[in-house]
Amino acid sequence: MSEKKKAKKGGRAKSGTLMMIAILLMGSAVVRLGIEAGPAIAREVASLQQDDDAGHADKGEMRGESMPSSAELQEMLAAFKEREAALTAREAEIEDRMKALEIADQAIEKKLAALQDAEEKLKSTLALADGATEADVARLTTVYEQMKPKESAALFEEMDPAFAAGFLARMRPEAAAGIMAGLSPEAAYTISVVLAGRNGAVPKE
């Protein structure tokens, strides 16, 4: 072999050796990086997971504060239903009372109407009675006037003085005088006192 060929072979062998050494060194570096970076990457991943778990926990707590649980919702619903039932019962009670008051008012109105009707009838009856009494008294007065004074005086002697004075006050003066003349002095005096008392009670001008 010539010197040139030997030199070329030696240079190729050195270049190959250097390349192998470089590859080995790079592989070693990669291995060392993997060995050293693995725990760091694991630690970083674990930290990120912890932060994520903490974030989920915080969100869960926030949801727990703002949203009631199913049991609480059921309890609230039961309370609402109970309150609604109480209000419905109260409303029905008030409605029943209103109906009872309305019925009572109608009954009172009917009784008042009946009392007013009875009062009107009573007034009419009293008016008729007063008219009948007045007519009867007027008729008796006429009868006493037409009787003989001696006979009338005998009847007036037995009457109550106030009753007799009432008749004499209605009579004509000459008829009343004839009856008074036929009375006993005691009866005539008593009737005269009653008549004088009646006249004294009359308002004067």
N, C-alpha and C. Protein backbone atom coordinates (compact mmCIF):
# COMPACT_ATOMS: atom_id res chain seq x y z
N MET A 1 0.86 -1.19 0.00
CA MET A 1 0.00 0.00 0.00
C MET A 1 0.89 1.23 0.00
N SER A 2 0.45 2.31 -0.64
CA SER A 2 1.25 3.53 -0.67
C SER A 2 1.01 4.32 0.58
N GLU A 3 1.83 5.29 0.78
CA GLU A 3 1.73 6.13 1.98
C GLU A 3 0.41 6.92 1.97
N LYS A 4 0.05 7.32 0.79
CA LYS A 4 -1.22 8.11 0.68
C LYS A 4 -2.41 7.28 1.10
N LYS A 5 -2.47 6.03 0.68
CA LYS A 5 -3.60 5.18 1.04
C LYS A 5 -3.61 4.91 2.51
N LYS A 6 -2.46 4.69 3.13
CA LYS A 6 -2.40 4.45 4.58
C LYS A 6 -2.87 5.68 5.32
N ALA A 7 -2.47 6.87 4.79
CA ALA A 7 -2.89 8.11 5.47
C ALA A 7 -4.40 8.27 5.39
N LYS A 8 -5.00 7.95 4.25
CA LYS A 8 -6.46 8.05 4.10
C LYS A 8 -7.17 7.10 5.04
N LYS A 9 -6.67 5.84 5.14
CA LYS A 9 -7.29 4.87 6.03
C LYS A 9 -7.20 5.31 7.47
N GLY A 10 -6.02 5.88 7.86
CA GLY A 10 -5.86 6.33 9.25
C GLY A 10 -6.79 7.49 9.56
N GLY A 11 -6.94 8.41 8.57
CA GLY A 11 -7.85 9.55 8.82
C GLY A 11 -9.29 9.11 8.96
N ARG A 12 -9.72 8.12 8.14
CA ARG A 12 -11.10 7.63 8.24
C ARG A 12 -11.33 6.94 9.57
N ALA A 13 -10.28 6.22 10.00
CA ALA A 13 -10.47 5.50 11.28
C ALA A 13 -10.58 6.48 12.41
N LYS A 14 -9.80 7.55 12.39
CA LYS A 14 -9.86 8.57 13.45
C LYS A 14 -11.21 9.28 13.42
N SER A 15 -11.68 9.58 12.21
CA SER A 15 -12.98 10.29 12.10
C SER A 15 -14.08 9.40 12.64
N GLY A 16 -14.04 8.10 12.33
CA GLY A 16 -15.08 7.20 12.83
C GLY A 16 -15.02 7.08 14.33
N THR A 17 -13.79 7.02 14.83
CA THR A 17 -13.64 6.91 16.29
C THR A 17 -14.19 8.14 16.98
N LEU A 18 -13.87 9.30 16.42
CA LEU A 18 -14.36 10.58 17.01
C LEU A 18 -15.89 10.65 16.95
N MET A 19 -16.46 10.19 15.87
CA MET A 19 -17.92 10.20 15.72
C MET A 19 -18.57 9.30 16.76
N MET A 20 -17.98 8.13 16.99
CA MET A 20 -18.52 7.21 17.97
C MET A 20 -18.45 7.80 19.36
N ILE A 21 -17.30 8.47 19.63
CA ILE A 21 -17.13 9.08 20.97
C ILE A 21 -18.17 10.18 21.16
N ALA A 22 -18.38 10.97 20.10
CA ALA A 22 -19.35 12.06 20.20
C ALA A 22 -20.76 11.51 20.43
N ILE A 23 -21.09 10.43 19.70
CA ILE A 23 -22.42 9.82 19.87
C ILE A 23 -22.60 9.30 21.27
N LEU A 24 -21.53 8.64 21.78
CA LEU A 24 -21.59 8.11 23.14
C LEU A 24 -21.76 9.22 24.15
N LEU A 25 -20.98 10.30 23.96
CA LEU A 25 -21.09 11.43 24.89
C LEU A 25 -22.51 12.03 24.86
N MET A 26 -23.08 12.19 23.67
CA MET A 26 -24.41 12.74 23.54
C MET A 26 -25.45 11.80 24.17
N GLY A 27 -25.26 10.51 23.96
CA GLY A 27 -26.17 9.55 24.57
C GLY A 27 -26.09 9.60 26.07
N SER A 28 -24.80 9.71 26.56
CA SER A 28 -24.63 9.80 28.01
C SER A 28 -25.31 11.04 28.56
N ALA A 29 -25.16 12.15 27.83
CA ALA A 29 -25.78 13.40 28.28
C ALA A 29 -27.30 13.28 28.30
N VAL A 30 -27.82 12.64 27.24
CA VAL A 30 -29.29 12.46 27.19
C VAL A 30 -29.78 11.60 28.34
N VAL A 31 -28.98 10.55 28.60
CA VAL A 31 -29.36 9.67 29.71
C VAL A 31 -29.35 10.41 31.02
N ARG A 32 -28.23 11.22 31.21
CA ARG A 32 -28.15 11.99 32.46
C ARG A 32 -29.30 13.00 32.55
N LEU A 33 -29.63 13.64 31.43
CA LEU A 33 -30.74 14.58 31.43
C LEU A 33 -32.05 13.88 31.79
N GLY A 34 -32.24 12.68 31.20
CA GLY A 34 -33.46 11.93 31.50
C GLY A 34 -33.55 11.54 32.95
N ILE A 35 -32.34 11.10 33.48
CA ILE A 35 -32.33 10.67 34.89
C ILE A 35 -32.59 11.84 35.81
N GLU A 36 -31.93 12.99 35.50
CA GLU A 36 -32.08 14.15 36.38
C GLU A 36 -33.42 14.86 36.15
N ALA A 37 -33.88 14.90 34.91
CA ALA A 37 -35.10 15.65 34.62
C ALA A 37 -36.36 14.87 34.99
N GLY A 38 -36.23 13.52 35.03
CA GLY A 38 -37.42 12.71 35.33
C GLY A 38 -38.07 13.08 36.65
N PRO A 39 -37.26 13.08 37.77
CA PRO A 39 -37.89 13.45 39.06
C PRO A 39 -38.45 14.86 39.06
N ALA A 40 -37.69 15.80 38.39
CA ALA A 40 -38.18 17.19 38.35
C ALA A 40 -39.51 17.27 37.61
N ILE A 41 -39.58 16.57 36.47
CA ILE A 41 -40.83 16.57 35.70
C ILE A 41 -41.95 15.91 36.50
N ALA A 42 -41.60 14.83 37.22
CA ALA A 42 -42.61 14.15 38.04
C ALA A 42 -43.12 15.07 39.14
N ARG A 43 -42.12 15.79 39.76
CA ARG A 43 -42.53 16.73 40.81
C ARG A 43 -43.45 17.82 40.26
N GLU A 44 -43.11 18.33 39.08
CA GLU A 44 -43.91 19.39 38.47
C GLU A 44 -45.31 18.89 38.12
N VAL A 45 -45.34 17.66 37.57
CA VAL A 45 -46.64 17.08 37.24
C VAL A 45 -47.49 16.87 38.48
N ALA A 46 -46.85 16.39 39.58
CA ALA A 46 -47.58 16.17 40.84
C ALA A 46 -48.10 17.49 41.39
N SER A 47 -47.25 18.55 41.28
CA SER A 47 -47.68 19.87 41.75
C SER A 47 -48.89 20.38 40.98
N LEU A 48 -48.80 20.18 39.64
CA LEU A 48 -49.91 20.62 38.82
C LEU A 48 -51.20 19.85 39.16
N GLN A 49 -51.05 18.54 39.41
CA GLN A 49 -52.21 17.75 39.79
C GLN A 49 -52.80 18.21 41.11
N GLN A 50 -51.89 18.52 42.07
CA GLN A 50 -52.37 19.00 43.37
C GLN A 50 -53.13 20.32 43.22
N ASP A 51 -52.55 21.23 42.39
CA ASP A 51 -53.23 22.50 42.17
C ASP A 51 -54.60 22.29 41.52
N ASP A 52 -54.62 21.34 40.54
CA ASP A 52 -55.89 21.06 39.87
C ASP A 52 -56.92 20.48 40.84
N ASP A 53 -56.43 19.53 41.71
CA ASP A 53 -57.34 18.95 42.71
C ASP A 53 -57.85 20.01 43.68
N ALA A 54 -56.93 20.92 44.08
CA ALA A 54 -57.33 21.99 45.00
C ALA A 54 -58.38 22.90 44.35
N GLY A 55 -58.14 23.17 43.05
CA GLY A 55 -59.11 24.01 42.34
C GLY A 55 -60.46 23.35 42.25
N HIS A 56 -60.48 22.05 41.95
CA HIS A 56 -61.75 21.32 41.91
C HIS A 56 -62.42 21.31 43.28
N ALA A 57 -61.60 21.17 44.34
CA ALA A 57 -62.16 21.16 45.69
C ALA A 57 -62.77 22.50 46.02
N ASP A 58 -62.04 23.60 45.64
CA ASP A 58 -62.58 24.93 45.90
C ASP A 58 -63.88 25.15 45.16
N LYS A 59 -63.94 24.69 43.89
CA LYS A 59 -65.17 24.83 43.13
C LYS A 59 -66.30 24.02 43.75
N GLY A 60 -65.93 22.82 44.25
CA GLY A 60 -66.95 21.99 44.91
C GLY A 60 -67.48 22.67 46.16
N GLU A 61 -66.55 23.31 46.94
CA GLU A 61 -66.99 24.00 48.14
C GLU A 61 -67.88 25.18 47.79
N MET A 62 -67.48 25.91 46.70
CA MET A 62 -68.31 27.04 46.28
C MET A 62 -69.69 26.57 45.85
N ARG A 63 -69.75 25.45 45.11
CA ARG A 63 -71.05 24.92 44.73
C ARG A 63 -71.84 24.46 45.93
N GLY A 64 -71.14 23.93 46.94
CA GLY A 64 -71.81 23.49 48.16
C GLY A 64 -72.39 24.66 48.93
N GLU A 65 -71.74 25.83 48.90
CA GLU A 65 -72.25 26.99 49.61
C GLU A 65 -73.45 27.60 48.89
N SER A 66 -73.43 27.64 47.56
CA SER A 66 -74.48 28.31 46.81
C SER A 66 -75.66 27.40 46.50
N MET A 67 -75.45 26.14 46.36
CA MET A 67 -76.52 25.20 46.01
C MET A 67 -76.82 24.28 47.19
N PRO A 68 -78.09 24.28 47.68
CA PRO A 68 -78.42 23.38 48.79
C PRO A 68 -78.43 21.93 48.32
N SER A 69 -78.33 21.07 49.30
CA SER A 69 -78.33 19.64 49.00
C SER A 69 -79.75 19.17 48.71
N SER A 70 -79.87 17.92 48.26
CA SER A 70 -81.18 17.36 47.93
C SER A 70 -82.07 17.27 49.17
N ALA A 71 -81.46 16.90 50.31
CA ALA A 71 -82.24 16.80 51.55
C ALA A 71 -82.77 18.17 51.97
N GLU A 72 -81.90 19.19 51.83
CA GLU A 72 -82.34 20.53 52.18
C GLU A 72 -83.45 21.02 51.25
N LEU A 73 -83.32 20.70 49.96
CA LEU A 73 -84.36 21.08 49.02
C LEU A 73 -85.70 20.42 49.37
N GLN A 74 -85.65 19.14 49.74
CA GLN A 74 -86.87 18.44 50.11
C GLN A 74 -87.49 19.04 51.37
N GLU A 75 -86.63 19.41 52.33
CA GLU A 75 -87.12 20.02 53.56
C GLU A 75 -87.78 21.37 53.28
N MET A 76 -87.13 22.16 52.42
CA MET A 76 -87.71 23.45 52.05
C MET A 76 -89.04 23.27 51.31
N LEU A 77 -89.11 22.30 50.42
CA LEU A 77 -90.34 22.03 49.69
C LEU A 77 -91.45 21.60 50.63
N ALA A 78 -91.11 20.76 51.61
CA ALA A 78 -92.11 20.33 52.59
C ALA A 78 -92.62 21.51 53.41
N ALA A 79 -91.70 22.42 53.78
CA ALA A 79 -92.09 23.61 54.54
C ALA A 79 -93.02 24.50 53.71
N PHE A 80 -92.71 24.65 52.42
CA PHE A 80 -93.55 25.46 51.54
C PHE A 80 -94.94 24.85 51.42
N LYS A 81 -94.99 23.53 51.25
CA LYS A 81 -96.28 22.86 51.13
C LYS A 81 -97.10 23.00 52.41
N GLU A 82 -96.43 22.87 53.55
CA GLU A 82 -97.14 23.01 54.83
C GLU A 82 -97.68 24.43 54.98
N ARG A 83 -96.87 25.41 54.60
CA ARG A 83 -97.32 26.81 54.68
C ARG A 83 -98.50 27.06 53.73
N GLU A 84 -98.42 26.49 52.54
CA GLU A 84 -99.50 26.64 51.58
C GLU A 84 -100.79 26.01 52.09
N ALA A 85 -100.66 24.83 52.72
CA ALA A 85 -101.84 24.16 53.27
C ALA A 85 -102.46 25.00 54.39
N ALA A 86 -101.59 25.60 55.25
CA ALA A 86 -102.11 26.44 56.34
C ALA A 86 -102.82 27.66 55.79
N LEU A 87 -102.26 28.28 54.76
CA LEU A 87 -102.91 29.45 54.16
C LEU A 87 -104.24 29.07 53.51
N THR A 88 -104.27 27.91 52.86
CA THR A 88 -105.52 27.46 52.24
C THR A 88 -106.59 27.21 53.30
N ALA A 89 -106.19 26.59 54.41
CA ALA A 89 -107.15 26.34 55.49
C ALA A 89 -107.65 27.65 56.09
N ARG A 90 -106.74 28.59 56.27
CA ARG A 90 -107.13 29.89 56.83
C ARG A 90 -108.08 30.63 55.89
N GLU A 91 -107.78 30.56 54.60
CA GLU A 91 -108.64 31.20 53.62
C GLU A 91 -110.04 30.58 53.63
N ALA A 92 -110.10 29.26 53.73
CA ALA A 92 -111.40 28.58 53.78
C ALA A 92 -112.17 28.97 55.05
N GLU A 93 -111.44 29.10 56.17
CA GLU A 93 -112.09 29.50 57.42
C GLU A 93 -112.67 30.91 57.31
N ILE A 94 -111.89 31.82 56.74
CA ILE A 94 -112.37 33.19 56.56
C ILE A 94 -113.59 33.23 55.64
N GLU A 95 -113.53 32.43 54.59
CA GLU A 95 -114.66 32.38 53.65
C GLU A 95 -115.92 31.86 54.34
N ASP A 96 -115.75 30.83 55.20
CA ASP A 96 -116.90 30.31 55.94
C ASP A 96 -117.48 31.37 56.87
N ARG A 97 -116.59 32.11 57.54
CA ARG A 97 -117.08 33.16 58.44
C ARG A 97 -117.82 34.25 57.68
N MET A 98 -117.29 34.61 56.52
CA MET A 98 -117.95 35.62 55.71
C MET A 98 -119.34 35.15 55.29
N LYS A 99 -119.45 33.88 54.91
CA LYS A 99 -120.75 33.34 54.53
C LYS A 99 -121.70 33.37 55.73
N ALA A 100 -121.18 32.99 56.92
CA ALA A 100 -122.02 33.00 58.12
C ALA A 100 -122.49 34.42 58.44
N LEU A 101 -121.59 35.39 58.32
CA LEU A 101 -121.97 36.79 58.57
C LEU A 101 -123.01 37.27 57.55
N GLU A 102 -122.84 36.85 56.31
CA GLU A 102 -123.80 37.23 55.28
C GLU A 102 -125.18 36.66 55.58
N ILE A 103 -125.21 35.39 56.00
CA ILE A 103 -126.49 34.77 56.36
C ILE A 103 -127.11 35.48 57.56
N ALA A 104 -126.26 35.83 58.56
CA ALA A 104 -126.75 36.53 59.75
C ALA A 104 -127.31 37.91 59.37
N ASP A 105 -126.61 38.61 58.47
CA ASP A 105 -127.09 39.92 58.02
C ASP A 105 -128.44 39.80 57.32
N GLN A 106 -128.58 38.78 56.49
CA GLN A 106 -129.86 38.59 55.80
C GLN A 106 -130.99 38.30 56.80
N ALA A 107 -130.67 37.48 57.83
CA ALA A 107 -131.69 37.17 58.84
C ALA A 107 -132.08 38.44 59.62
N ILE A 108 -131.06 39.27 59.96
CA ILE A 108 -131.34 40.51 60.69
C ILE A 108 -132.20 41.45 59.85
N GLU A 109 -131.87 41.55 58.55
CA GLU A 109 -132.66 42.41 57.67
C GLU A 109 -134.11 41.94 57.59
N LYS A 110 -134.30 40.61 57.52
CA LYS A 110 -135.65 40.09 57.49
C LYS A 110 -136.40 40.41 58.79
N LYS A 111 -135.70 40.26 59.93
CA LYS A 111 -136.35 40.55 61.22
C LYS A 111 -136.69 42.03 61.33
N LEU A 112 -135.79 42.90 60.87
CA LEU A 112 -136.07 44.33 60.90
C LEU A 112 -137.28 44.68 60.03
N ALA A 113 -137.33 44.06 58.85
CA ALA A 113 -138.47 44.31 57.97
C ALA A 113 -139.77 43.84 58.63
N ALA A 114 -139.69 42.65 59.29
CA ALA A 114 -140.88 42.14 59.97
C ALA A 114 -141.30 43.06 61.12
N LEU A 115 -140.30 43.58 61.89
CA LEU A 115 -140.61 44.49 62.99
C LEU A 115 -141.23 45.79 62.48
N GLN A 116 -140.69 46.31 61.37
CA GLN A 116 -141.27 47.53 60.80
C GLN A 116 -142.70 47.31 60.34
N ASP A 117 -142.92 46.15 59.73
CA ASP A 117 -144.28 45.82 59.30
C ASP A 117 -145.22 45.71 60.49
N ALA A 118 -144.74 45.04 61.55
CA ALA A 118 -145.56 44.90 62.75
C ALA A 118 -145.83 46.25 63.40
N GLU A 119 -144.81 47.13 63.37
CA GLU A 119 -145.00 48.46 63.95
C GLU A 119 -146.05 49.25 63.18
N GLU A 120 -146.00 49.16 61.85
CA GLU A 120 -146.99 49.86 61.04
C GLU A 120 -148.40 49.33 61.32
N LYS A 121 -148.49 48.00 61.43
CA LYS A 121 -149.80 47.42 61.74
C LYS A 121 -150.29 47.85 63.12
N LEU A 122 -149.34 47.91 64.09
CA LEU A 122 -149.73 48.32 65.44
C LEU A 122 -150.20 49.77 65.45
N LYS A 123 -149.50 50.62 64.69
CA LYS A 123 -149.92 52.02 64.61
C LYS A 123 -151.32 52.13 64.03
N SER A 124 -151.54 51.35 62.99
CA SER A 124 -152.88 51.37 62.37
C SER A 124 -153.94 50.90 63.35
N THR A 125 -153.59 49.83 64.11
CA THR A 125 -154.55 49.30 65.09
C THR A 125 -154.83 50.31 66.19
N LEU A 126 -153.74 50.97 66.68
CA LEU A 126 -153.92 51.97 67.72
C LEU A 126 -154.73 53.15 67.21
N ALA A 127 -154.48 53.52 65.96
CA ALA A 127 -155.26 54.62 65.40
C ALA A 127 -156.73 54.25 65.32
N LEU A 128 -156.98 53.01 64.89
CA LEU A 128 -158.37 52.56 64.84
C LEU A 128 -158.98 52.52 66.23
N ALA A 129 -158.17 52.03 67.20
CA ALA A 129 -158.67 51.95 68.58
C ALA A 129 -158.95 53.33 69.13
N ASP A 130 -157.99 54.26 68.87
CA ASP A 130 -158.21 55.63 69.35
C ASP A 130 -159.46 56.23 68.72
N GLY A 131 -159.61 55.98 67.42
CA GLY A 131 -160.80 56.50 66.74
C GLY A 131 -162.07 55.90 67.29
N ALA A 132 -161.99 54.56 67.54
CA ALA A 132 -163.18 53.89 68.09
C ALA A 132 -163.49 54.39 69.48
N THR A 133 -162.43 54.60 70.31
CA THR A 133 -162.64 55.08 71.66
C THR A 133 -163.24 56.48 71.65
N GLU A 134 -162.69 57.32 70.79
CA GLU A 134 -163.21 58.68 70.70
C GLU A 134 -164.66 58.68 70.26
N ALA A 135 -164.93 57.81 69.29
CA ALA A 135 -166.32 57.73 68.83
C ALA A 135 -167.24 57.23 69.94
N ASP A 136 -166.75 56.23 70.70
CA ASP A 136 -167.57 55.69 71.80
C ASP A 136 -167.81 56.75 72.88
N VAL A 137 -166.76 57.49 73.22
CA VAL A 137 -166.91 58.53 74.24
C VAL A 137 -167.86 59.62 73.78
N ALA A 138 -167.72 60.00 72.50
CA ALA A 138 -168.63 61.03 71.97
C ALA A 138 -170.07 60.54 71.99
N ARG A 139 -170.26 59.26 71.66
CA ARG A 139 -171.62 58.70 71.65
C ARG A 139 -172.19 58.67 73.07
N LEU A 140 -171.38 58.23 74.04
CA LEU A 140 -171.85 58.20 75.44
C LEU A 140 -172.17 59.60 75.95
N THR A 141 -171.33 60.55 75.54
CA THR A 141 -171.58 61.93 75.97
C THR A 141 -172.93 62.42 75.46
N THR A 142 -173.22 62.08 74.22
CA THR A 142 -174.51 62.46 73.63
C THR A 142 -175.66 61.79 74.38
N VAL A 143 -175.46 60.51 74.74
CA VAL A 143 -176.50 59.77 75.47
C VAL A 143 -176.75 60.43 76.82
N TYR A 144 -175.67 60.77 77.55
CA TYR A 144 -175.83 61.39 78.88
C TYR A 144 -176.50 62.76 78.78
N GLU A 145 -176.23 63.45 77.71
CA GLU A 145 -176.83 64.76 77.53
C GLU A 145 -178.34 64.64 77.29
N GLN A 146 -178.72 63.58 76.61
CA GLN A 146 -180.13 63.40 76.26
C GLN A 146 -180.95 62.79 77.40
N MET A 147 -180.27 62.25 78.39
CA MET A 147 -180.99 61.70 79.55
C MET A 147 -181.49 62.85 80.43
N LYS A 148 -182.40 62.50 81.27
CA LYS A 148 -182.87 63.49 82.24
C LYS A 148 -181.74 63.80 83.21
N PRO A 149 -181.58 65.04 83.63
CA PRO A 149 -180.48 65.40 84.52
C PRO A 149 -180.45 64.59 85.82
N LYS A 150 -181.64 64.26 86.35
CA LYS A 150 -181.68 63.50 87.60
C LYS A 150 -181.12 62.10 87.38
N GLU A 151 -181.47 61.47 86.27
CA GLU A 151 -180.99 60.12 85.96
C GLU A 151 -179.48 60.13 85.67
N SER A 152 -179.03 61.11 84.90
CA SER A 152 -177.60 61.23 84.61
C SER A 152 -176.80 61.47 85.88
N ALA A 153 -177.37 62.32 86.80
CA ALA A 153 -176.68 62.63 88.04
C ALA A 153 -176.49 61.36 88.88
N ALA A 154 -177.46 60.46 88.87
CA ALA A 154 -177.34 59.21 89.62
C ALA A 154 -176.18 58.36 89.08
N LEU A 155 -176.00 58.36 87.77
CA LEU A 155 -174.88 57.60 87.17
C LEU A 155 -173.54 58.27 87.49
N PHE A 156 -173.52 59.58 87.38
CA PHE A 156 -172.25 60.30 87.62
C PHE A 156 -171.85 60.22 89.09
N GLU A 157 -172.83 60.03 89.96
CA GLU A 157 -172.53 59.88 91.39
C GLU A 157 -171.71 58.62 91.65
N GLU A 158 -171.90 57.59 90.82
CA GLU A 158 -171.20 56.32 91.00
C GLU A 158 -169.86 56.27 90.24
N MET A 159 -169.65 57.21 89.32
CA MET A 159 -168.42 57.20 88.51
C MET A 159 -167.22 57.70 89.32
N ASP A 160 -166.05 57.34 88.82
CA ASP A 160 -164.82 57.93 89.34
C ASP A 160 -164.85 59.42 89.02
N PRO A 161 -164.43 60.28 89.96
CA PRO A 161 -164.52 61.72 89.72
C PRO A 161 -163.78 62.18 88.46
N ALA A 162 -162.60 61.61 88.19
CA ALA A 162 -161.85 62.01 86.99
C ALA A 162 -162.58 61.57 85.72
N PHE A 163 -163.20 60.38 85.77
CA PHE A 163 -163.94 59.88 84.61
C PHE A 163 -165.19 60.73 84.38
N ALA A 164 -165.87 61.03 85.46
CA ALA A 164 -167.08 61.86 85.36
C ALA A 164 -166.73 63.26 84.87
N ALA A 165 -165.60 63.81 85.34
CA ALA A 165 -165.19 65.14 84.91
C ALA A 165 -164.89 65.16 83.42
N GLY A 166 -164.34 64.05 82.90
CA GLY A 166 -164.06 63.98 81.47
C GLY A 166 -165.32 64.07 80.63
N PHE A 167 -166.37 63.39 81.09
CA PHE A 167 -167.64 63.46 80.35
C PHE A 167 -168.26 64.86 80.46
N LEU A 168 -168.27 65.40 81.66
CA LEU A 168 -168.86 66.72 81.86
C LEU A 168 -168.14 67.79 81.05
N ALA A 169 -166.82 67.63 80.87
CA ALA A 169 -166.07 68.61 80.09
C ALA A 169 -166.45 68.58 78.62
N ARG A 170 -166.98 67.45 78.14
CA ARG A 170 -167.37 67.33 76.75
C ARG A 170 -168.83 67.79 76.51
N MET A 171 -169.58 67.85 77.56
CA MET A 171 -171.02 68.17 77.41
C MET A 171 -171.24 69.66 77.17
N ARG A 172 -172.45 69.93 76.70
CA ARG A 172 -172.86 71.32 76.58
C ARG A 172 -172.98 71.91 77.99
N PRO A 173 -172.73 73.17 78.18
CA PRO A 173 -172.76 73.76 79.53
C PRO A 173 -174.10 73.57 80.26
N GLU A 174 -175.24 73.72 79.54
CA GLU A 174 -176.52 73.58 80.22
C GLU A 174 -176.77 72.14 80.66
N ALA A 175 -176.30 71.14 79.85
CA ALA A 175 -176.48 69.74 80.24
C ALA A 175 -175.58 69.41 81.41
N ALA A 176 -174.32 69.87 81.39
CA ALA A 176 -173.40 69.62 82.49
C ALA A 176 -173.90 70.28 83.77
N ALA A 177 -174.49 71.48 83.67
CA ALA A 177 -175.01 72.16 84.86
C ALA A 177 -176.18 71.40 85.47
N GLY A 178 -177.04 70.83 84.66
CA GLY A 178 -178.18 70.06 85.18
C GLY A 178 -177.69 68.82 85.93
N ILE A 179 -176.66 68.16 85.40
CA ILE A 179 -176.12 66.97 86.08
C ILE A 179 -175.46 67.38 87.39
N MET A 180 -174.69 68.46 87.39
CA MET A 180 -173.99 68.90 88.61
C MET A 180 -174.99 69.29 89.69
N ALA A 181 -176.14 69.82 89.28
CA ALA A 181 -177.18 70.21 90.25
C ALA A 181 -177.79 69.00 90.93
N GLY A 182 -177.80 67.87 90.25
CA GLY A 182 -178.40 66.67 90.82
C GLY A 182 -177.42 65.84 91.63
N LEU A 183 -176.15 66.20 91.69
CA LEU A 183 -175.15 65.44 92.45
C LEU A 183 -175.17 65.84 93.92
N SER A 184 -174.64 64.94 94.74
CA SER A 184 -174.46 65.27 96.15
C SER A 184 -173.38 66.33 96.27
N PRO A 185 -173.41 67.10 97.37
CA PRO A 185 -172.40 68.15 97.51
C PRO A 185 -170.96 67.60 97.46
N GLU A 186 -170.71 66.45 98.06
CA GLU A 186 -169.36 65.88 98.06
C GLU A 186 -168.92 65.53 96.63
N ALA A 187 -169.76 64.84 95.87
CA ALA A 187 -169.42 64.43 94.50
C ALA A 187 -169.27 65.66 93.61
N ALA A 188 -170.16 66.63 93.76
CA ALA A 188 -170.07 67.84 92.94
C ALA A 188 -168.77 68.59 93.23
N TYR A 189 -168.39 68.65 94.54
CA TYR A 189 -167.14 69.35 94.89
C TYR A 189 -165.93 68.63 94.29
N THR A 190 -165.89 67.33 94.44
CA THR A 190 -164.74 66.56 93.93
C THR A 190 -164.59 66.70 92.42
N ILE A 191 -165.73 66.58 91.70
CA ILE A 191 -165.66 66.72 90.24
C ILE A 191 -165.26 68.13 89.85
N SER A 192 -165.72 69.12 90.62
CA SER A 192 -165.35 70.51 90.33
C SER A 192 -163.85 70.72 90.50
N VAL A 193 -163.28 70.11 91.54
CA VAL A 193 -161.82 70.23 91.75
C VAL A 193 -161.06 69.63 90.58
N VAL A 194 -161.52 68.48 90.11
CA VAL A 194 -160.85 67.82 88.97
C VAL A 194 -160.94 68.70 87.73
N LEU A 195 -162.15 69.26 87.48
CA LEU A 195 -162.32 70.13 86.32
C LEU A 195 -161.45 71.38 86.43
N ALA A 196 -161.35 71.92 87.61
CA ALA A 196 -160.54 73.13 87.82
C ALA A 196 -159.06 72.81 87.60
N GLY A 197 -158.65 71.60 88.07
CA GLY A 197 -157.25 71.20 87.86
C GLY A 197 -156.92 71.04 86.37
N ARG A 198 -157.88 70.49 85.62
CA ARG A 198 -157.66 70.35 84.19
C ARG A 198 -157.51 71.71 83.52
N ASN A 199 -158.38 72.63 83.89
CA ASN A 199 -158.33 73.96 83.29
C ASN A 199 -157.06 74.70 83.71
N GLY A 200 -156.61 74.44 84.95
CA GLY A 200 -155.39 75.09 85.41
C GLY A 200 -154.15 74.61 84.67
N ALA A 201 -154.17 73.37 84.16
CA ALA A 201 -153.03 72.83 83.43
C ALA A 201 -152.98 73.31 81.99
N VAL A 202 -154.07 73.98 81.55
CA VAL A 202 -154.09 74.46 80.15
C VAL A 202 -153.16 75.66 80.04
N PRO A 203 -152.26 75.72 79.02
CA PRO A 203 -151.36 76.86 78.85
C PRO A 203 -152.13 78.14 78.62
N LYS A 204 -151.65 79.23 79.22
CA LYS A 204 -152.33 80.52 79.12
C LYS A 204 -151.48 81.45 78.24
N GLU A 205 -152.13 82.41 77.62
CA GLU A 205 -151.45 83.37 76.76
C GLU A 205 -150.66 84.37 77.62
